[in-house]
Amino acid sequence: MLTTTQAKFYIYVLARPNGKAFYVGKGKGRRTFKHEEEARQGCPCHKCNIIRKVWRGGGQVLRYIVFTTDNEIEAYAYEVETIALYGLANLSNGCQ
């Protein structure tokens, strides 16, 4: 379950119902939900195709906040580290 935090920025992971991550991002506010809005609007990118495939299978996209901070530079650095951890080839990043 996604909870709000007092920190200004966060790093999040979007995952399939089986827990397999497909996107890592930096956000604030309700950023984690914007990707599903893009998918509903028909965005043709790989990330949105994954989201629609999850929906067609009756599932929900999982959202995990993995890091919070008030420092945007620190947030960007953690995002880069998290993408490297999963491996860019295993993610749909590159589609905003």
C-alpha atoms as a PDB file:
ATOM      1  CA  MET A   1       0.000   0.000   0.000  1.00  0.00           C
ATOM      2  CA  LEU A   2       1.274   3.440  -0.882  1.00  0.00           C
ATOM      3  CA  THR A   3       1.484   5.855   2.009  1.00  0.00           C
ATOM      4  CA  THR A   4       2.327   9.512   1.992  1.00  0.00           C
ATOM      5  CA  THR A   5       5.451  10.718   3.733  1.00  0.00           C
ATOM      6  CA  GLN A   6       6.658  14.033   5.057  1.00  0.00           C
ATOM      7  CA  ALA A   7       9.710  13.945   2.784  1.00  0.00           C
ATOM      8  CA  LYS A   8       9.527  16.029  -0.369  1.00  0.00           C
ATOM      9  CA  PHE A   9      10.931  13.433  -2.816  1.00  0.00           C
ATOM     10  CA  TYR A  10      10.753   9.664  -3.083  1.00  0.00           C
ATOM     11  CA  ILE A  11      12.047   6.839  -5.206  1.00  0.00           C
ATOM     12  CA  TYR A  12       9.466   4.272  -6.201  1.00  0.00           C
ATOM     13  CA  VAL A  13       9.210   0.967  -7.989  1.00  0.00           C
ATOM     14  CA  LEU A  14       6.262  -0.154 -10.106  1.00  0.00           C
ATOM     15  CA  ALA A  15       5.826  -3.909 -10.235  1.00  0.00           C
ATOM     16  CA  ARG A  16       3.641  -6.576 -11.764  1.00  0.00           C
ATOM     17  CA  PRO A  17       1.253  -8.518  -9.483  1.00  0.00           C
ATOM     18  CA  ASN A  18       3.936 -11.227  -9.128  1.00  0.00           C
ATOM     19  CA  GLY A  19       6.296  -8.599  -7.654  1.00  0.00           C
ATOM     20  CA  LYS A  20       8.576  -8.293 -10.694  1.00  0.00           C
ATOM     21  CA  ALA A  21       9.650  -4.663 -11.046  1.00  0.00           C
ATOM     22  CA  PHE A  22       9.185  -2.968 -14.414  1.00  0.00           C
ATOM     23  CA  TYR A  23       9.819   0.715 -13.659  1.00  0.00           C
ATOM     24  CA  VAL A  24      11.839   2.833 -11.197  1.00  0.00           C
ATOM     25  CA  GLY A  25      11.209   6.528 -10.782  1.00  0.00           C
ATOM     26  CA  LYS A  26      11.692   9.653  -8.680  1.00  0.00           C
ATOM     27  CA  GLY A  27       8.625  11.526  -7.653  1.00  0.00           C
ATOM     28  CA  LYS A  28       6.751  13.709  -5.247  1.00  0.00           C
ATOM     29  CA  GLY A  29       3.092  13.998  -4.457  1.00  0.00           C
ATOM     30  CA  ARG A  30       0.986  11.481  -6.410  1.00  0.00           C
ATOM     31  CA  ARG A  31       3.571  10.781  -9.143  1.00  0.00           C
ATOM     32  CA  THR A  32       3.261   7.006  -8.803  1.00  0.00           C
ATOM     33  CA  PHE A  33      -0.335   7.201 -10.043  1.00  0.00           C
ATOM     34  CA  LYS A  34       0.438   9.311 -13.138  1.00  0.00           C
ATOM     35  CA  HIS A  35       1.733   6.291 -15.063  1.00  0.00           C
ATOM     36  CA  GLU A  36      -1.659   4.587 -14.917  1.00  0.00           C
ATOM     37  CA  GLU A  37      -3.315   7.807 -16.047  1.00  0.00           C
ATOM     38  CA  GLU A  38      -0.961   7.801 -19.063  1.00  0.00           C
ATOM     39  CA  ALA A  39      -1.882   4.177 -19.775  1.00  0.00           C
ATOM     40  CA  ARG A  40      -5.607   5.007 -19.639  1.00  0.00           C
ATOM     41  CA  GLN A  41      -5.019   7.845 -22.116  1.00  0.00           C
ATOM     42  CA  GLY A  42      -3.499   5.408 -24.607  1.00  0.00           C
ATOM     43  CA  CYS A  43       0.213   6.196 -24.322  1.00  0.00           C
ATOM     44  CA  PRO A  44       1.881   3.601 -26.604  1.00  0.00           C
ATOM     45  CA  CYS A  45       5.137   3.249 -24.616  1.00  0.00           C
ATOM     46  CA  HIS A  46       6.422  -0.041 -23.229  1.00  0.00           C
ATOM     47  CA  LYS A  47       5.688   0.941 -19.608  1.00  0.00           C
ATOM     48  CA  CYS A  48       2.040   1.700 -20.404  1.00  0.00           C
ATOM     49  CA  ASN A  49       1.719  -1.513 -22.412  1.00  0.00           C
ATOM     50  CA  ILE A  50       2.849  -3.434 -19.331  1.00  0.00           C
ATOM     51  CA  ILE A  51       0.311  -1.595 -17.174  1.00  0.00           C
ATOM     52  CA  ARG A  52      -2.514  -2.390 -19.616  1.00  0.00           C
ATOM     53  CA  LYS A  53      -1.413  -6.044 -19.754  1.00  0.00           C
ATOM     54  CA  VAL A  54      -1.596  -6.197 -15.942  1.00  0.00           C
ATOM     55  CA  TRP A  55      -5.119  -4.774 -16.077  1.00  0.00           C
ATOM     56  CA  ARG A  56      -6.222  -7.198 -18.823  1.00  0.00           C
ATOM     57  CA  GLY A  57      -5.072 -10.039 -16.585  1.00  0.00           C
ATOM     58  CA  GLY A  58      -7.269  -8.727 -13.778  1.00  0.00           C
ATOM     59  CA  GLY A  59      -4.328  -7.508 -11.697  1.00  0.00           C
ATOM     60  CA  GLN A  60      -3.197  -4.256 -10.190  1.00  0.00           C
ATOM     61  CA  VAL A  61       0.120  -2.484 -10.534  1.00  0.00           C
ATOM     62  CA  LEU A  62       2.071  -2.657  -7.277  1.00  0.00           C
ATOM     63  CA  ARG A  63       3.749   0.531  -6.023  1.00  0.00           C
ATOM     64  CA  TYR A  64       6.621   0.565  -3.573  1.00  0.00           C
ATOM     65  CA  ILE A  65       8.292   3.636  -2.138  1.00  0.00           C
ATOM     66  CA  VAL A  66      11.858   2.536  -1.468  1.00  0.00           C
ATOM     67  CA  PHE A  67      13.505   5.809  -0.394  1.00  0.00           C
ATOM     68  CA  THR A  68      12.449   9.251   0.824  1.00  0.00           C
ATOM     69  CA  THR A  69      14.400  12.483   1.190  1.00  0.00           C
ATOM     70  CA  ASP A  70      14.087  16.255   1.120  1.00  0.00           C
ATOM     71  CA  ASN A  71      17.225  16.511  -1.019  1.00  0.00           C
ATOM     72  CA  GLU A  72      16.547  16.245  -4.760  1.00  0.00           C
ATOM     73  CA  ILE A  73      20.184  15.524  -5.661  1.00  0.00           C
ATOM     74  CA  GLU A  74      20.188  12.651  -3.177  1.00  0.00           C
ATOM     75  CA  ALA A  75      16.917  11.403  -4.693  1.00  0.00           C
ATOM     76  CA  TYR A  76      18.370  11.398  -8.217  1.00  0.00           C
ATOM     77  CA  ALA A  77      21.441   9.515  -7.010  1.00  0.00           C
ATOM     78  CA  TYR A  78      19.298   6.876  -5.303  1.00  0.00           C
ATOM     79  CA  GLU A  79      17.161   6.538  -8.426  1.00  0.00           C
ATOM     80  CA  VAL A  80      20.284   5.840 -10.519  1.00  0.00           C
ATOM     81  CA  GLU A  81      21.466   3.261  -7.961  1.00  0.00           C
ATOM     82  CA  THR A  82      18.062   1.566  -7.884  1.00  0.00           C
ATOM     83  CA  ILE A  83      17.870   1.374 -11.680  1.00  0.00           C
ATOM     84  CA  ALA A  84      21.346  -0.156 -11.696  1.00  0.00           C
ATOM     85  CA  LEU A  85      20.272  -2.659  -9.037  1.00  0.00           C
ATOM     86  CA  TYR A  86      17.403  -3.949 -11.186  1.00  0.00           C
ATOM     87  CA  GLY A  87      19.301  -3.515 -14.443  1.00  0.00           C
ATOM     88  CA  LEU A  88      18.062  -1.080 -17.068  1.00  0.00           C
ATOM     89  CA  ALA A  89      17.524  -3.974 -19.500  1.00  0.00           C
ATOM     90  CA  ASN A  90      14.921  -5.404 -17.064  1.00  0.00           C
ATOM     91  CA  LEU A  91      12.966  -2.147 -16.778  1.00  0.00           C
ATOM     92  CA  SER A  92      10.748  -0.082 -19.045  1.00  0.00           C
ATOM     93  CA  ASN A  93      12.443   3.183 -18.059  1.00  0.00           C
ATOM     94  CA  GLY A  94      13.071   5.597 -20.874  1.00  0.00           C
ATOM     95  CA  CYS A  95       9.366   6.213 -21.391  1.00  0.00           C
ATOM     96  CA  GLN A  96       8.018   9.142 -19.434  1.00  0.00           C
END
